[in-house]
């Protein structure tokens, strides 16, 4: 007999302003506890204390801690996707060099806006539906970049999906190096310029 999968969905959706504010406070508390105390000490009790709520009140919104973690992770990932999608929409029809620069700047700004939050959520991304959420978000970003590239006036792509995927991977890897604490200050300082050069050269290299 197999055990039931953990419940990772919120108990109710924040349909009123007060409920939305409570959800916001809970999500902020999750991030604060994660960054200050780590995943092992990120309990429902500590989250409730940080949010200024009772544990019973927390359970009105989430059935358990893992459901909260899953919700916070999904929101974080969706925010990254929304940033990339906005950049892509704003740069339709521009030259490849402008597209590459905007993509690099937009992605780095979204991922490194709050490095502590990103690092903390990596601790939970391998569990609690993290892989599935990441896959959904990646598909959104790939679709946005693919659509963007199709509007370039100075380039043609035979396989825009593959080109978009490679372009995104070129951004993801170096940022992960920073979030893993493996990058030197010099690496961080020069990363944006180097990524712009790399992405521009790749997108200009010919049909792909």
C-alpha atoms as a PDB file:
ATOM      1  CA  UNK A   1       0.000   0.000   0.000  1.00  0.00           C
ATOM      2  CA  UNK A   2       1.515   3.344  -1.037  1.00  0.00           C
ATOM      3  CA  UNK A   3       1.365   6.442   1.109  1.00  0.00           C
ATOM      4  CA  UNK A   4      -0.721   9.341  -0.035  1.00  0.00           C
ATOM      5  CA  UNK A   5       1.036  12.246  -1.699  1.00  0.00           C
ATOM      6  CA  UNK A   6       1.417  15.323   0.495  1.00  0.00           C
ATOM      7  CA  UNK A   7      -1.205  18.012   0.071  1.00  0.00           C
ATOM      8  CA  UNK A   8       0.494  20.987  -1.533  1.00  0.00           C
ATOM      9  CA  UNK A   9      -2.465  23.153  -2.509  1.00  0.00           C
ATOM     10  CA  UNK A  10      -3.762  26.097  -0.454  1.00  0.00           C
ATOM     11  CA  UNK A  11      -6.988  25.485   1.475  1.00  0.00           C
ATOM     12  CA  UNK A  12      -8.622  28.592   0.050  1.00  0.00           C
ATOM     13  CA  UNK A  13      -7.858  31.330  -2.417  1.00  0.00           C
ATOM     14  CA  UNK A  14      -7.432  34.956  -1.228  1.00  0.00           C
ATOM     15  CA  UNK A  15     -10.600  36.411  -2.722  1.00  0.00           C
ATOM     16  CA  UNK A  16     -10.719  39.488  -0.474  1.00  0.00           C
ATOM     17  CA  UNK A  17      -8.175  42.218   0.157  1.00  0.00           C
ATOM     18  CA  UNK A  18      -7.677  41.086   3.759  1.00  0.00           C
ATOM     19  CA  UNK A  19      -7.066  37.498   2.700  1.00  0.00           C
ATOM     20  CA  UNK A  20      -4.640  38.643   0.006  1.00  0.00           C
ATOM     21  CA  UNK A  21      -2.725  40.680   2.591  1.00  0.00           C
ATOM     22  CA  UNK A  22      -2.567  37.647   4.886  1.00  0.00           C
ATOM     23  CA  UNK A  23      -1.187  35.479   2.099  1.00  0.00           C
ATOM     24  CA  UNK A  24       1.379  38.173   1.346  1.00  0.00           C
ATOM     25  CA  UNK A  25       2.429  38.281   5.009  1.00  0.00           C
ATOM     26  CA  UNK A  26       2.746  34.492   5.147  1.00  0.00           C
ATOM     27  CA  UNK A  27       4.859  34.354   1.995  1.00  0.00           C
ATOM     28  CA  UNK A  28       7.142  37.077   3.323  1.00  0.00           C
ATOM     29  CA  UNK A  29       7.473  35.197   6.620  1.00  0.00           C
ATOM     30  CA  UNK A  30       8.402  31.974   4.804  1.00  0.00           C
ATOM     31  CA  UNK A  31      11.224  33.750   2.960  1.00  0.00           C
ATOM     32  CA  UNK A  32      12.473  35.434   6.133  1.00  0.00           C
ATOM     33  CA  UNK A  33      12.574  32.204   8.118  1.00  0.00           C
ATOM     34  CA  UNK A  34      14.188  30.307   5.247  1.00  0.00           C
ATOM     35  CA  UNK A  35      16.925  32.876   4.752  1.00  0.00           C
ATOM     36  CA  UNK A  36      17.674  33.315   8.456  1.00  0.00           C
ATOM     37  CA  UNK A  37      17.231  29.796   9.819  1.00  0.00           C
ATOM     38  CA  UNK A  38      17.303  27.390   6.891  1.00  0.00           C
ATOM     39  CA  UNK A  39      14.877  24.776   5.641  1.00  0.00           C
ATOM     40  CA  UNK A  40      15.130  22.428   8.627  1.00  0.00           C
ATOM     41  CA  UNK A  41      14.051  25.130  11.051  1.00  0.00           C
ATOM     42  CA  UNK A  42      11.404  26.573   8.752  1.00  0.00           C
ATOM     43  CA  UNK A  43       8.395  25.211  10.637  1.00  0.00           C
ATOM     44  CA  UNK A  44       4.773  26.277  10.587  1.00  0.00           C
ATOM     45  CA  UNK A  45       5.170  27.590  14.141  1.00  0.00           C
ATOM     46  CA  UNK A  46       8.138  29.805  13.236  1.00  0.00           C
ATOM     47  CA  UNK A  47       6.414  31.042  10.091  1.00  0.00           C
ATOM     48  CA  UNK A  48       3.286  31.924  12.071  1.00  0.00           C
ATOM     49  CA  UNK A  49       5.326  33.759  14.704  1.00  0.00           C
ATOM     50  CA  UNK A  50       7.179  35.722  12.045  1.00  0.00           C
ATOM     51  CA  UNK A  51       3.907  36.662  10.341  1.00  0.00           C
ATOM     52  CA  UNK A  52       2.327  37.678  13.654  1.00  0.00           C
ATOM     53  CA  UNK A  53      -0.373  35.018  13.384  1.00  0.00           C
ATOM     54  CA  UNK A  54      -1.514  31.966  15.262  1.00  0.00           C
ATOM     55  CA  UNK A  55      -0.773  28.531  13.859  1.00  0.00           C
ATOM     56  CA  UNK A  56      -4.509  27.937  13.650  1.00  0.00           C
ATOM     57  CA  UNK A  57      -4.899  30.985  11.422  1.00  0.00           C
ATOM     58  CA  UNK A  58      -2.148  29.709   9.130  1.00  0.00           C
ATOM     59  CA  UNK A  59      -3.997  26.419   8.709  1.00  0.00           C
ATOM     60  CA  UNK A  60      -7.003  28.322   7.390  1.00  0.00           C
ATOM     61  CA  UNK A  61      -4.907  29.069   4.297  1.00  0.00           C
ATOM     62  CA  UNK A  62      -2.483  26.153   4.012  1.00  0.00           C
ATOM     63  CA  UNK A  63      -2.860  22.560   5.231  1.00  0.00           C
ATOM     64  CA  UNK A  64       0.834  22.240   6.120  1.00  0.00           C
ATOM     65  CA  UNK A  65       4.263  23.813   5.819  1.00  0.00           C
ATOM     66  CA  UNK A  66       5.074  22.101   2.542  1.00  0.00           C
ATOM     67  CA  UNK A  67       2.002  23.627   0.914  1.00  0.00           C
ATOM     68  CA  UNK A  68       3.282  27.061   1.922  1.00  0.00           C
ATOM     69  CA  UNK A  69       6.750  26.315   0.577  1.00  0.00           C
ATOM     70  CA  UNK A  70       5.291  25.090  -2.709  1.00  0.00           C
ATOM     71  CA  UNK A  71       3.180  28.236  -3.046  1.00  0.00           C
ATOM     72  CA  UNK A  72       6.095  30.563  -2.322  1.00  0.00           C
ATOM     73  CA  UNK A  73       8.326  28.718  -4.775  1.00  0.00           C
ATOM     74  CA  UNK A  74       5.665  28.786  -7.501  1.00  0.00           C
ATOM     75  CA  UNK A  75       5.178  32.512  -6.981  1.00  0.00           C
ATOM     76  CA  UNK A  76       8.922  33.168  -7.162  1.00  0.00           C
ATOM     77  CA  UNK A  77       9.313  31.178 -10.369  1.00  0.00           C
ATOM     78  CA  UNK A  78       6.261  32.789 -11.928  1.00  0.00           C
ATOM     79  CA  UNK A  79       7.750  36.202 -11.192  1.00  0.00           C
ATOM     80  CA  UNK A  80      10.869  35.284 -13.165  1.00  0.00           C
ATOM     81  CA  UNK A  81       8.743  34.126 -16.088  1.00  0.00           C
ATOM     82  CA  UNK A  82       6.656  37.297 -15.996  1.00  0.00           C
ATOM     83  CA  UNK A  83       9.805  39.433 -16.120  1.00  0.00           C
ATOM     84  CA  UNK A  84      11.128  37.554 -19.156  1.00  0.00           C
ATOM     85  CA  UNK A  85       7.750  37.684 -20.870  1.00  0.00           C
ATOM     86  CA  UNK A  86       7.546  41.449 -20.319  1.00  0.00           C
ATOM     87  CA  UNK A  87      11.028  41.975 -21.750  1.00  0.00           C
ATOM     88  CA  UNK A  88      10.132  39.907 -24.789  1.00  0.00           C
ATOM     89  CA  UNK A  89       6.899  41.813 -25.414  1.00  0.00           C
ATOM     90  CA  UNK A  90       8.677  45.160 -25.102  1.00  0.00           C
ATOM     91  CA  UNK A  91      11.360  44.216 -27.625  1.00  0.00           C
ATOM     92  CA  UNK A  92       9.368  42.724 -30.489  1.00  0.00           C
ATOM     93  CA  UNK A  93      10.705  43.892 -33.829  1.00  0.00           C
ATOM     94  CA  UNK A  94      13.981  45.267 -32.525  1.00  0.00           C
ATOM     95  CA  UNK A  95      17.419  44.258 -33.843  1.00  0.00           C
ATOM     96  CA  UNK A  96      19.085  41.136 -32.454  1.00  0.00           C
ATOM     97  CA  UNK A  97      21.633  43.161 -30.480  1.00  0.00           C
ATOM     98  CA  UNK A  98      18.846  45.016 -28.665  1.00  0.00           C
ATOM     99  CA  UNK A  99      16.963  41.784 -27.991  1.00  0.00           C
ATOM    100  CA  UNK A 100      20.041  40.091 -26.545  1.00  0.00           C
ATOM    101  CA  UNK A 101      20.861  43.036 -24.279  1.00  0.00           C
ATOM    102  CA  UNK A 102      17.276  43.300 -23.025  1.00  0.00           C
ATOM    103  CA  UNK A 103      17.020  39.562 -22.326  1.00  0.00           C
ATOM    104  CA  UNK A 104      20.249  39.490 -20.345  1.00  0.00           C
ATOM    105  CA  UNK A 105      19.424  42.595 -18.340  1.00  0.00           C
ATOM    106  CA  UNK A 106      15.852  41.495 -17.654  1.00  0.00           C
ATOM    107  CA  UNK A 107      16.744  37.972 -16.565  1.00  0.00           C
ATOM    108  CA  UNK A 108      19.617  39.064 -14.334  1.00  0.00           C
ATOM    109  CA  UNK A 109      17.486  41.763 -12.729  1.00  0.00           C
ATOM    110  CA  UNK A 110      14.727  39.270 -11.949  1.00  0.00           C
ATOM    111  CA  UNK A 111      16.971  36.506 -10.606  1.00  0.00           C
ATOM    112  CA  UNK A 112      19.421  38.683  -8.690  1.00  0.00           C
ATOM    113  CA  UNK A 113      16.968  41.283  -7.389  1.00  0.00           C
ATOM    114  CA  UNK A 114      16.900  39.353  -4.124  1.00  0.00           C
ATOM    115  CA  UNK A 115      19.743  36.793  -4.150  1.00  0.00           C
ATOM    116  CA  UNK A 116      18.991  35.614  -0.605  1.00  0.00           C
ATOM    117  CA  UNK A 117      15.445  34.730  -1.590  1.00  0.00           C
ATOM    118  CA  UNK A 118      16.615  32.891  -4.692  1.00  0.00           C
ATOM    119  CA  UNK A 119      19.230  30.954  -2.706  1.00  0.00           C
ATOM    120  CA  UNK A 120      16.731  30.034  -0.011  1.00  0.00           C
ATOM    121  CA  UNK A 121      14.206  28.739  -2.526  1.00  0.00           C
ATOM    122  CA  UNK A 122      16.805  26.562  -4.233  1.00  0.00           C
ATOM    123  CA  UNK A 123      16.756  24.571  -0.995  1.00  0.00           C
ATOM    124  CA  UNK A 124      13.145  23.589  -1.641  1.00  0.00           C
ATOM    125  CA  UNK A 125      13.118  23.546  -5.451  1.00  0.00           C
ATOM    126  CA  UNK A 126      14.074  19.875  -5.679  1.00  0.00           C
ATOM    127  CA  UNK A 127      11.020  18.847  -3.681  1.00  0.00           C
ATOM    128  CA  UNK A 128       7.413  19.885  -3.051  1.00  0.00           C
ATOM    129  CA  UNK A 129       6.516  20.061  -6.720  1.00  0.00           C
ATOM    130  CA  UNK A 130       9.509  22.263  -7.501  1.00  0.00           C
ATOM    131  CA  UNK A 131      10.596  20.355 -10.588  1.00  0.00           C
ATOM    132  CA  UNK A 132       7.128  20.516 -12.096  1.00  0.00           C
ATOM    133  CA  UNK A 133       6.771  24.233 -11.323  1.00  0.00           C
ATOM    134  CA  UNK A 134      10.188  24.959 -12.815  1.00  0.00           C
ATOM    135  CA  UNK A 135       9.313  23.033 -15.969  1.00  0.00           C
ATOM    136  CA  UNK A 136       6.099  25.019 -16.425  1.00  0.00           C
ATOM    137  CA  UNK A 137       7.915  28.306 -15.961  1.00  0.00           C
ATOM    138  CA  UNK A 138      10.684  27.297 -18.344  1.00  0.00           C
ATOM    139  CA  UNK A 139       8.112  26.512 -21.044  1.00  0.00           C
ATOM    140  CA  UNK A 140       6.637  29.978 -20.584  1.00  0.00           C
ATOM    141  CA  UNK A 141      10.023  31.633 -20.959  1.00  0.00           C
ATOM    142  CA  UNK A 142      10.977  29.503 -23.944  1.00  0.00           C
ATOM    143  CA  UNK A 143       7.713  30.382 -25.681  1.00  0.00           C
ATOM    144  CA  UNK A 144       8.247  34.096 -25.021  1.00  0.00           C
ATOM    145  CA  UNK A 145      11.812  34.056 -26.354  1.00  0.00           C
ATOM    146  CA  UNK A 146      10.806  31.962 -29.362  1.00  0.00           C
ATOM    147  CA  UNK A 147       8.076  34.449 -30.248  1.00  0.00           C
ATOM    148  CA  UNK A 148      10.483  37.358 -29.732  1.00  0.00           C
ATOM    149  CA  UNK A 149      13.104  35.904 -32.076  1.00  0.00           C
ATOM    150  CA  UNK A 150      10.524  35.448 -34.814  1.00  0.00           C
ATOM    151  CA  UNK A 151      10.124  39.238 -34.952  1.00  0.00           C
ATOM    152  CA  UNK A 152      13.837  40.036 -35.417  1.00  0.00           C
ATOM    153  CA  UNK A 153      14.351  42.131 -38.578  1.00  0.00           C
ATOM    154  CA  UNK A 154      18.000  41.168 -38.974  1.00  0.00           C
ATOM    155  CA  UNK A 155      18.077  37.403 -38.303  1.00  0.00           C
ATOM    156  CA  UNK A 156      16.346  34.187 -39.332  1.00  0.00           C
ATOM    157  CA  UNK A 157      16.064  30.996 -37.259  1.00  0.00           C
ATOM    158  CA  UNK A 158      15.296  27.610 -38.757  1.00  0.00           C
ATOM    159  CA  UNK A 159      14.593  26.128 -35.311  1.00  0.00           C
ATOM    160  CA  UNK A 160      13.583  29.026 -33.046  1.00  0.00           C
ATOM    161  CA  UNK A 161      12.580  26.677 -30.209  1.00  0.00           C
ATOM    162  CA  UNK A 162      16.083  25.213 -30.009  1.00  0.00           C
ATOM    163  CA  UNK A 163      17.646  28.660 -30.322  1.00  0.00           C
ATOM    164  CA  UNK A 164      15.457  29.974 -27.499  1.00  0.00           C
ATOM    165  CA  UNK A 165      16.303  26.997 -25.302  1.00  0.00           C
ATOM    166  CA  UNK A 166      20.053  27.403 -25.792  1.00  0.00           C
ATOM    167  CA  UNK A 167      19.814  31.150 -25.191  1.00  0.00           C
ATOM    168  CA  UNK A 168      17.998  30.593 -21.900  1.00  0.00           C
ATOM    169  CA  UNK A 169      20.466  27.945 -20.749  1.00  0.00           C
ATOM    170  CA  UNK A 170      23.275  30.394 -21.467  1.00  0.00           C
ATOM    171  CA  UNK A 171      21.706  32.705 -18.899  1.00  0.00           C
ATOM    172  CA  UNK A 172      20.663  30.153 -16.293  1.00  0.00           C
ATOM    173  CA  UNK A 173      24.050  28.474 -15.759  1.00  0.00           C
ATOM    174  CA  UNK A 174      26.149  31.521 -14.798  1.00  0.00           C
ATOM    175  CA  UNK A 175      23.414  32.867 -12.530  1.00  0.00           C
ATOM    176  CA  UNK A 176      23.271  29.539 -10.717  1.00  0.00           C
ATOM    177  CA  UNK A 177      27.032  29.832 -10.182  1.00  0.00           C
ATOM    178  CA  UNK A 178      26.448  33.119  -8.373  1.00  0.00           C
ATOM    179  CA  UNK A 179      23.566  31.799  -6.293  1.00  0.00           C
ATOM    180  CA  UNK A 180      25.594  28.737  -5.311  1.00  0.00           C
ATOM    181  CA  UNK A 181      28.266  31.068  -3.934  1.00  0.00           C
ATOM    182  CA  UNK A 182      30.890  29.884  -6.411  1.00  0.00           C
ATOM    183  CA  UNK A 183      31.430  33.167  -8.256  1.00  0.00           C
ATOM    184  CA  UNK A 184      34.113  35.736  -7.474  1.00  0.00           C
ATOM    185  CA  UNK A 185      33.267  39.445  -7.213  1.00  0.00           C
ATOM    186  CA  UNK A 186      35.029  39.967 -10.549  1.00  0.00           C
ATOM    187  CA  UNK A 187      32.835  37.307 -12.158  1.00  0.00           C
ATOM    188  CA  UNK A 188      29.691  38.981 -10.872  1.00  0.00           C
ATOM    189  CA  UNK A 189      30.848  42.435 -11.938  1.00  0.00           C
ATOM    190  CA  UNK A 190      31.556  41.359 -15.519  1.00  0.00           C
ATOM    191  CA  UNK A 191      28.769  38.833 -15.988  1.00  0.00           C
ATOM    192  CA  UNK A 192      26.168  41.075 -17.615  1.00  0.00           C
ATOM    193  CA  UNK A 193      28.548  42.440 -20.238  1.00  0.00           C
ATOM    194  CA  UNK A 194      29.926  38.993 -21.027  1.00  0.00           C
ATOM    195  CA  UNK A 195      26.466  37.456 -21.366  1.00  0.00           C
ATOM    196  CA  UNK A 196      25.340  40.226 -23.696  1.00  0.00           C
ATOM    197  CA  UNK A 197      28.352  39.573 -25.913  1.00  0.00           C
ATOM    198  CA  UNK A 198      27.794  35.832 -25.849  1.00  0.00           C
ATOM    199  CA  UNK A 199      24.084  35.976 -26.604  1.00  0.00           C
ATOM    200  CA  UNK A 200      24.454  38.592 -29.316  1.00  0.00           C
ATOM    201  CA  UNK A 201      27.130  36.572 -31.105  1.00  0.00           C
ATOM    202  CA  UNK A 202      25.098  33.370 -30.868  1.00  0.00           C
ATOM    203  CA  UNK A 203      21.889  34.929 -32.178  1.00  0.00           C
ATOM    204  CA  UNK A 204      23.773  36.589 -35.040  1.00  0.00           C
ATOM    205  CA  UNK A 205      25.614  33.422 -36.002  1.00  0.00           C
ATOM    206  CA  UNK A 206      23.111  32.335 -38.626  1.00  0.00           C
ATOM    207  CA  UNK A 207      20.084  30.047 -38.998  1.00  0.00           C
ATOM    208  CA  UNK A 208      19.700  27.711 -36.066  1.00  0.00           C
END
